[in-house]
Amino acid sequence: DWGARLGYTPAMLAEVNRQAIALLEAVRSEYEPASAPVVISGCIGPRGDGYTADTTMNPNQAKAYHAIQVETFADT
């Protein structure tokens, strides 16, 4: 919901996520010590206002809503 409010299409949001992950991968490759592997993780969601639970979803709705972001993370 917030991406659309900011003028982002789903494809644009996916690209921003890919760019963010690429930045983290570059930092990791430069600074990761052999003795302490660095895991790259990402936050998914929330839908609407993360501090107000006014938009509830059932599991299937949540899966569909977050699928693009999850797939983008999984592809990197």
PDB file of N, CA and C in Angstrom:
ATOM      1  N   ASP A   1       0.813  -1.190   0.000  1.00  0.00           N
ATOM      2  CA  ASP A   1       0.000   0.000   0.000  1.00  0.00           C
ATOM      3  C   ASP A   1       0.860   1.259   0.000  1.00  0.00           C
ATOM      4  N   TRP A   2       1.938   1.263   0.792  1.00  0.00           N
ATOM      5  CA  TRP A   2       2.779   2.450   0.887  1.00  0.00           C
ATOM      6  C   TRP A   2       3.546   2.700  -0.395  1.00  0.00           C
ATOM      7  N   GLY A   3       3.973   1.652  -1.066  1.00  0.00           N
ATOM      8  CA  GLY A   3       4.681   1.840  -2.332  1.00  0.00           C
ATOM      9  C   GLY A   3       3.824   2.579  -3.337  1.00  0.00           C
ATOM     10  N   ALA A   4       2.588   2.181  -3.474  1.00  0.00           N
ATOM     11  CA  ALA A   4       1.670   2.849  -4.405  1.00  0.00           C
ATOM     12  C   ALA A   4       1.437   4.298  -3.999  1.00  0.00           C
ATOM     13  N   ARG A   5       1.320   4.549  -2.723  1.00  0.00           N
ATOM     14  CA  ARG A   5       1.123   5.928  -2.247  1.00  0.00           C
ATOM     15  C   ARG A   5       2.316   6.809  -2.580  1.00  0.00           C
ATOM     16  N   LEU A   6       3.493   6.201  -2.654  1.00  0.00           N
ATOM     17  CA  LEU A   6       4.710   6.941  -2.980  1.00  0.00           C
ATOM     18  C   LEU A   6       4.984   6.976  -4.478  1.00  0.00           C
ATOM     19  N   GLY A   7       4.085   6.389  -5.268  1.00  0.00           N
ATOM     20  CA  GLY A   7       4.228   6.423  -6.713  1.00  0.00           C
ATOM     21  C   GLY A   7       4.999   5.267  -7.315  1.00  0.00           C
ATOM     22  N   TYR A   8       5.244   4.216  -6.537  1.00  0.00           N
ATOM     23  CA  TYR A   8       5.977   3.048  -7.022  1.00  0.00           C
ATOM     24  C   TYR A   8       5.008   2.007  -7.582  1.00  0.00           C
ATOM     25  N   THR A   9       5.369   1.431  -8.713  1.00  0.00           N
ATOM     26  CA  THR A   9       4.646   0.270  -9.227  1.00  0.00           C
ATOM     27  C   THR A   9       5.235  -0.970  -8.565  1.00  0.00           C
ATOM     28  N   PRO A  10       4.570  -2.114  -8.643  1.00  0.00           N
ATOM     29  CA  PRO A  10       5.178  -3.337  -8.105  1.00  0.00           C
ATOM     30  C   PRO A  10       6.551  -3.632  -8.720  1.00  0.00           C
ATOM     31  N   ALA A  11       6.713  -3.382 -10.015  1.00  0.00           N
ATOM     32  CA  ALA A  11       8.010  -3.612 -10.659  1.00  0.00           C
ATOM     33  C   ALA A  11       9.076  -2.668 -10.111  1.00  0.00           C
ATOM     34  N   MET A  12       8.700  -1.420  -9.860  1.00  0.00           N
ATOM     35  CA  MET A  12       9.651  -0.462  -9.296  1.00  0.00           C
ATOM     36  C   MET A  12      10.059  -0.876  -7.883  1.00  0.00           C
ATOM     37  N   LEU A  13       9.103  -1.332  -7.081  1.00  0.00           N
ATOM     38  CA  LEU A  13       9.428  -1.788  -5.726  1.00  0.00           C
ATOM     39  C   LEU A  13      10.359  -2.990  -5.760  1.00  0.00           C
ATOM     40  N   ALA A  14      10.118  -3.907  -6.682  1.00  0.00           N
ATOM     41  CA  ALA A  14      10.995  -5.068  -6.810  1.00  0.00           C
ATOM     42  C   ALA A  14      12.407  -4.617  -7.160  1.00  0.00           C
ATOM     43  N   GLU A  15      12.535  -3.646  -8.043  1.00  0.00           N
ATOM     44  CA  GLU A  15      13.859  -3.152  -8.432  1.00  0.00           C
ATOM     45  C   GLU A  15      14.559  -2.465  -7.263  1.00  0.00           C
ATOM     46  N   VAL A  16      13.836  -1.678  -6.495  1.00  0.00           N
ATOM     47  CA  VAL A  16      14.423  -1.034  -5.313  1.00  0.00           C
ATOM     48  C   VAL A  16      14.912  -2.093  -4.328  1.00  0.00           C
ATOM     49  N   ASN A  17      14.133  -3.142  -4.121  1.00  0.00           N
ATOM     50  CA  ASN A  17      14.563  -4.228  -3.237  1.00  0.00           C
ATOM     51  C   ASN A  17      15.815  -4.908  -3.783  1.00  0.00           C
ATOM     52  N   ARG A  18      15.871  -5.150  -5.100  1.00  0.00           N
ATOM     53  CA  ARG A  18      17.070  -5.761  -5.692  1.00  0.00           C
ATOM     54  C   ARG A  18      18.293  -4.870  -5.503  1.00  0.00           C
ATOM     55  N   GLN A  19      18.125  -3.566  -5.685  1.00  0.00           N
ATOM     56  CA  GLN A  19      19.237  -2.633  -5.500  1.00  0.00           C
ATOM     57  C   GLN A  19      19.717  -2.620  -4.049  1.00  0.00           C
ATOM     58  N   ALA A  20      18.786  -2.663  -3.113  1.00  0.00           N
ATOM     59  CA  ALA A  20      19.160  -2.685  -1.697  1.00  0.00           C
ATOM     60  C   ALA A  20      19.929  -3.952  -1.359  1.00  0.00           C
ATOM     61  N   ILE A  21      19.485  -5.075  -1.888  1.00  0.00           N
ATOM     62  CA  ILE A  21      20.173  -6.340  -1.634  1.00  0.00           C
ATOM     63  C   ILE A  21      21.545  -6.334  -2.283  1.00  0.00           C
ATOM     64  N   ALA A  22      21.663  -5.780  -3.484  1.00  0.00           N
ATOM     65  CA  ALA A  22      22.965  -5.686  -4.154  1.00  0.00           C
ATOM     66  C   ALA A  22      23.934  -4.841  -3.337  1.00  0.00           C
ATOM     67  N   LEU A  23      23.454  -3.768  -2.742  1.00  0.00           N
ATOM     68  CA  LEU A  23      24.301  -2.940  -1.882  1.00  0.00           C
ATOM     69  C   LEU A  23      24.786  -3.743  -0.680  1.00  0.00           C
ATOM     70  N   LEU A  24      23.885  -4.472  -0.048  1.00  0.00           N
ATOM     71  CA  LEU A  24      24.278  -5.293   1.102  1.00  0.00           C
ATOM     72  C   LEU A  24      25.272  -6.379   0.698  1.00  0.00           C
ATOM     73  N   GLU A  25      25.086  -6.966  -0.479  1.00  0.00           N
ATOM     74  CA  GLU A  25      26.029  -7.982  -0.953  1.00  0.00           C
ATOM     75  C   GLU A  25      27.410  -7.378  -1.184  1.00  0.00           C
ATOM     76  N   ALA A  26      27.466  -6.156  -1.701  1.00  0.00           N
ATOM     77  CA  ALA A  26      28.749  -5.488  -1.924  1.00  0.00           C
ATOM     78  C   ALA A  26      29.452  -5.193  -0.602  1.00  0.00           C
ATOM     79  N   VAL A  27      28.689  -4.714   0.371  1.00  0.00           N
ATOM     80  CA  VAL A  27      29.270  -4.443   1.693  1.00  0.00           C
ATOM     81  C   VAL A  27      29.759  -5.741   2.319  1.00  0.00           C
ATOM     82  N   ARG A  28      28.957  -6.788   2.208  1.00  0.00           N
ATOM     83  CA  ARG A  28      29.347  -8.081   2.764  1.00  0.00           C
ATOM     84  C   ARG A  28      30.626  -8.585   2.113  1.00  0.00           C
ATOM     85  N   SER A  29      30.715  -8.503   0.795  1.00  0.00           N
ATOM     86  CA  SER A  29      31.900  -9.040   0.121  1.00  0.00           C
ATOM     87  C   SER A  29      33.157  -8.271   0.493  1.00  0.00           C
ATOM     88  N   GLU A  30      33.007  -7.003   0.844  1.00  0.00           N
ATOM     89  CA  GLU A  30      34.175  -6.212   1.221  1.00  0.00           C
ATOM     90  C   GLU A  30      34.581  -6.409   2.676  1.00  0.00           C
ATOM     91  N   TYR A  31      33.635  -6.613   3.558  1.00  0.00           N
ATOM     92  CA  TYR A  31      33.930  -6.599   4.993  1.00  0.00           C
ATOM     93  C   TYR A  31      33.699  -7.912   5.729  1.00  0.00           C
ATOM     94  N   GLU A  32      33.142  -8.914   5.099  1.00  0.00           N
ATOM     95  CA  GLU A  32      32.822 -10.157   5.794  1.00  0.00           C
ATOM     96  C   GLU A  32      34.088 -10.926   6.168  1.00  0.00           C
ATOM     97  N   PRO A  33      34.295 -11.190   7.446  1.00  0.00           N
ATOM     98  CA  PRO A  33      35.439 -12.017   7.835  1.00  0.00           C
ATOM     99  C   PRO A  33      35.119 -13.502   7.623  1.00  0.00           C
ATOM    100  N   ALA A  34      36.123 -14.277   7.343  1.00  0.00           N
ATOM    101  CA  ALA A  34      35.918 -15.714   7.123  1.00  0.00           C
ATOM    102  C   ALA A  34      35.341 -16.393   8.364  1.00  0.00           C
ATOM    103  N   SER A  35      35.653 -15.852   9.531  1.00  0.00           N
ATOM    104  CA  SER A  35      35.222 -16.482  10.781  1.00  0.00           C
ATOM    105  C   SER A  35      33.785 -16.130  11.181  1.00  0.00           C
ATOM    106  N   ALA A  36      33.162 -15.192  10.494  1.00  0.00           N
ATOM    107  CA  ALA A  36      31.814 -14.767  10.877  1.00  0.00           C
ATOM    108  C   ALA A  36      30.991 -14.451   9.630  1.00  0.00           C
ATOM    109  N   PRO A  37      30.399 -15.481   9.020  1.00  0.00           N
ATOM    110  CA  PRO A  37      29.600 -15.248   7.816  1.00  0.00           C
ATOM    111  C   PRO A  37      28.465 -14.250   8.074  1.00  0.00           C
ATOM    112  N   VAL A  38      28.234 -13.376   7.119  1.00  0.00           N
ATOM    113  CA  VAL A  38      27.185 -12.368   7.221  1.00  0.00           C
ATOM    114  C   VAL A  38      25.965 -12.837   6.436  1.00  0.00           C
ATOM    115  N   VAL A  39      24.831 -12.895   7.111  1.00  0.00           N
ATOM    116  CA  VAL A  39      23.569 -13.288   6.489  1.00  0.00           C
ATOM    117  C   VAL A  39      22.813 -12.022   6.102  1.00  0.00           C
ATOM    118  N   ILE A  40      22.321 -11.995   4.887  1.00  0.00           N
ATOM    119  CA  ILE A  40      21.501 -10.866   4.447  1.00  0.00           C
ATOM    120  C   ILE A  40      20.041 -11.249   4.636  1.00  0.00           C
ATOM    121  N   SER A  41      19.327 -10.397   5.344  1.00  0.00           N
ATOM    122  CA  SER A  41      17.907 -10.652   5.580  1.00  0.00           C
ATOM    123  C   SER A  41      17.115  -9.417   5.175  1.00  0.00           C
ATOM    124  N   GLY A  42      15.826  -9.555   5.120  1.00  0.00           N
ATOM    125  CA  GLY A  42      14.985  -8.422   4.767  1.00  0.00           C
ATOM    126  C   GLY A  42      13.657  -8.486   5.487  1.00  0.00           C
ATOM    127  N   CYS A  43      13.072  -7.340   5.688  1.00  0.00           N
ATOM    128  CA  CYS A  43      11.760  -7.258   6.330  1.00  0.00           C
ATOM    129  C   CYS A  43      10.670  -7.298   5.265  1.00  0.00           C
ATOM    130  N   ILE A  44       9.614  -7.987   5.554  1.00  0.00           N
ATOM    131  CA  ILE A  44       8.468  -8.091   4.658  1.00  0.00           C
ATOM    132  C   ILE A  44       7.295  -7.358   5.295  1.00  0.00           C
ATOM    133  N   GLY A  45       6.648  -6.504   4.501  1.00  0.00           N
ATOM    134  CA  GLY A  45       5.456  -5.807   4.986  1.00  0.00           C
ATOM    135  C   GLY A  45       5.820  -4.554   5.746  1.00  0.00           C
ATOM    136  N   PRO A  46       4.947  -4.052   6.518  1.00  0.00           N
ATOM    137  CA  PRO A  46       3.588  -4.467   6.804  1.00  0.00           C
ATOM    138  C   PRO A  46       2.617  -3.932   5.755  1.00  0.00           C
ATOM    139  N   ARG A  47       1.393  -4.291   5.892  1.00  0.00           N
ATOM    140  CA  ARG A  47       0.341  -3.729   5.047  1.00  0.00           C
ATOM    141  C   ARG A  47      -0.319  -2.594   5.815  1.00  0.00           C
ATOM    142  N   GLY A  48      -0.484  -1.476   5.144  1.00  0.00           N
ATOM    143  CA  GLY A  48      -1.101  -0.325   5.804  1.00  0.00           C
ATOM    144  C   GLY A  48      -0.176   0.238   6.867  1.00  0.00           C
ATOM    145  N   ASP A  49      -0.741   0.713   7.931  1.00  0.00           N
ATOM    146  CA  ASP A  49       0.017   1.279   9.036  1.00  0.00           C
ATOM    147  C   ASP A  49       0.491   0.145   9.938  1.00  0.00           C
ATOM    148  N   GLY A  50       1.789  -0.029  10.036  1.00  0.00           N
ATOM    149  CA  GLY A  50       2.348  -1.110  10.832  1.00  0.00           C
ATOM    150  C   GLY A  50       2.047  -1.003  12.317  1.00  0.00           C
ATOM    151  N   TYR A  51       1.585   0.164  12.760  1.00  0.00           N
ATOM    152  CA  TYR A  51       1.302   0.366  14.175  1.00  0.00           C
ATOM    153  C   TYR A  51      -0.182   0.268  14.500  1.00  0.00           C
ATOM    154  N   THR A  52      -1.029   0.135  13.469  1.00  0.00           N
ATOM    155  CA  THR A  52      -2.463   0.028  13.670  1.00  0.00           C
ATOM    156  C   THR A  52      -2.958  -1.206  12.938  1.00  0.00           C
ATOM    157  N   ALA A  53      -3.529  -2.126  13.667  1.00  0.00           N
ATOM    158  CA  ALA A  53      -3.993  -3.382  13.056  1.00  0.00           C
ATOM    159  C   ALA A  53      -5.410  -3.220  12.522  1.00  0.00           C
ATOM    160  N   ASP A  54      -5.574  -2.280  11.579  1.00  0.00           N
ATOM    161  CA  ASP A  54      -6.908  -2.052  11.039  1.00  0.00           C
ATOM    162  C   ASP A  54      -7.151  -2.803   9.733  1.00  0.00           C
ATOM    163  N   THR A  55      -6.110  -3.393   9.172  1.00  0.00           N
ATOM    164  CA  THR A  55      -6.243  -4.178   7.944  1.00  0.00           C
ATOM    165  C   THR A  55      -5.781  -5.590   8.244  1.00  0.00           C
ATOM    166  N   THR A  56      -6.715  -6.495   8.408  1.00  0.00           N
ATOM    167  CA  THR A  56      -6.345  -7.882   8.670  1.00  0.00           C
ATOM    168  C   THR A  56      -6.492  -8.693   7.388  1.00  0.00           C
ATOM    169  N   MET A  57      -5.659  -9.718   7.277  1.00  0.00           N
ATOM    170  CA  MET A  57      -5.686 -10.591   6.110  1.00  0.00           C
ATOM    171  C   MET A  57      -5.712 -12.027   6.582  1.00  0.00           C
ATOM    172  N   ASN A  58      -6.360 -12.876   5.812  1.00  0.00           N
ATOM    173  CA  ASN A  58      -6.254 -14.299   6.097  1.00  0.00           C
ATOM    174  C   ASN A  58      -4.948 -14.790   5.460  1.00  0.00           C
ATOM    175  N   PRO A  59      -4.519 -16.004   5.746  1.00  0.00           N
ATOM    176  CA  PRO A  59      -3.238 -16.474   5.214  1.00  0.00           C
ATOM    177  C   PRO A  59      -3.124 -16.389   3.690  1.00  0.00           C
ATOM    178  N   ASN A  60      -4.174 -16.703   2.963  1.00  0.00           N
ATOM    179  CA  ASN A  60      -4.109 -16.634   1.501  1.00  0.00           C
ATOM    180  C   ASN A  60      -3.969 -15.201   1.007  1.00  0.00           C
ATOM    181  N   GLN A  61      -4.659 -14.275   1.642  1.00  0.00           N
ATOM    182  CA  GLN A  61      -4.536 -12.867   1.273  1.00  0.00           C
ATOM    183  C   GLN A  61      -3.128 -12.352   1.569  1.00  0.00           C
ATOM    184  N   ALA A  62      -2.582 -12.734   2.720  1.00  0.00           N
ATOM    185  CA  ALA A  62      -1.227 -12.313   3.077  1.00  0.00           C
ATOM    186  C   ALA A  62      -0.208 -12.880   2.096  1.00  0.00           C
ATOM    187  N   LYS A  63      -0.387 -14.130   1.715  1.00  0.00           N
ATOM    188  CA  LYS A  63       0.516 -14.756   0.746  1.00  0.00           C
ATOM    189  C   LYS A  63       0.494 -13.990  -0.574  1.00  0.00           C
ATOM    190  N   ALA A  64      -0.681 -13.681  -1.065  1.00  0.00           N
ATOM    191  CA  ALA A  64      -0.806 -12.951  -2.329  1.00  0.00           C
ATOM    192  C   ALA A  64      -0.245 -11.539  -2.212  1.00  0.00           C
ATOM    193  N   TYR A  65      -0.521 -10.873  -1.104  1.00  0.00           N
ATOM    194  CA  TYR A  65      -0.089  -9.492  -0.917  1.00  0.00           C
ATOM    195  C   TYR A  65       1.431  -9.384  -0.853  1.00  0.00           C
ATOM    196  N   HIS A  66       2.083 -10.296  -0.161  1.00  0.00           N
ATOM    197  CA  HIS A  66       3.532 -10.216   0.048  1.00  0.00           C
ATOM    198  C   HIS A  66       4.338 -10.994  -0.982  1.00  0.00           C
ATOM    199  N   ALA A  67       3.689 -11.684  -1.900  1.00  0.00           N
ATOM    200  CA  ALA A  67       4.377 -12.585  -2.833  1.00  0.00           C
ATOM    201  C   ALA A  67       5.459 -11.902  -3.652  1.00  0.00           C
ATOM    202  N   ILE A  68       5.202 -10.717  -4.170  1.00  0.00           N
ATOM    203  CA  ILE A  68       6.198 -10.053  -5.018  1.00  0.00           C
ATOM    204  C   ILE A  68       7.469  -9.772  -4.228  1.00  0.00           C
ATOM    205  N   GLN A  69       7.329  -9.263  -3.016  1.00  0.00           N
ATOM    206  CA  GLN A  69       8.512  -8.957  -2.217  1.00  0.00           C
ATOM    207  C   GLN A  69       9.247 -10.231  -1.812  1.00  0.00           C
ATOM    208  N   VAL A  70       8.526 -11.259  -1.424  1.00  0.00           N
ATOM    209  CA  VAL A  70       9.158 -12.529  -1.054  1.00  0.00           C
ATOM    210  C   VAL A  70       9.897 -13.118  -2.252  1.00  0.00           C
ATOM    211  N   GLU A  71       9.266 -13.109  -3.415  1.00  0.00           N
ATOM    212  CA  GLU A  71       9.905 -13.650  -4.617  1.00  0.00           C
ATOM    213  C   GLU A  71      11.143 -12.850  -5.003  1.00  0.00           C
ATOM    214  N   THR A  72      11.096 -11.534  -4.836  1.00  0.00           N
ATOM    215  CA  THR A  72      12.265 -10.705  -5.137  1.00  0.00           C
ATOM    216  C   THR A  72      13.423 -11.074  -4.227  1.00  0.00           C
ATOM    217  N   PHE A  73      13.170 -11.210  -2.935  1.00  0.00           N
ATOM    218  CA  PHE A  73      14.229 -11.610  -2.007  1.00  0.00           C
ATOM    219  C   PHE A  73      14.747 -12.999  -2.350  1.00  0.00           C
ATOM    220  N   ALA A  74      13.864 -13.905  -2.677  1.00  0.00           N
ATOM    221  CA  ALA A  74      14.266 -15.284  -2.972  1.00  0.00           C
ATOM    222  C   ALA A  74      15.111 -15.373  -4.234  1.00  0.00           C
ATOM    223  N   ASP A  75      14.887 -14.472  -5.187  1.00  0.00           N
ATOM    224  CA  ASP A  75      15.631 -14.502  -6.445  1.00  0.00           C
ATOM    225  C   ASP A  75      17.035 -13.934  -6.334  1.00  0.00           C
ATOM    226  N   THR A  76      17.364 -13.315  -5.218  1.00  0.00           N
ATOM    227  CA  THR A  76      18.692 -12.699  -5.095  1.00  0.00           C
ATOM    228  C   THR A  76      19.645 -13.599  -4.352  1.00  0.00           C
TER     229      THR A  76
END
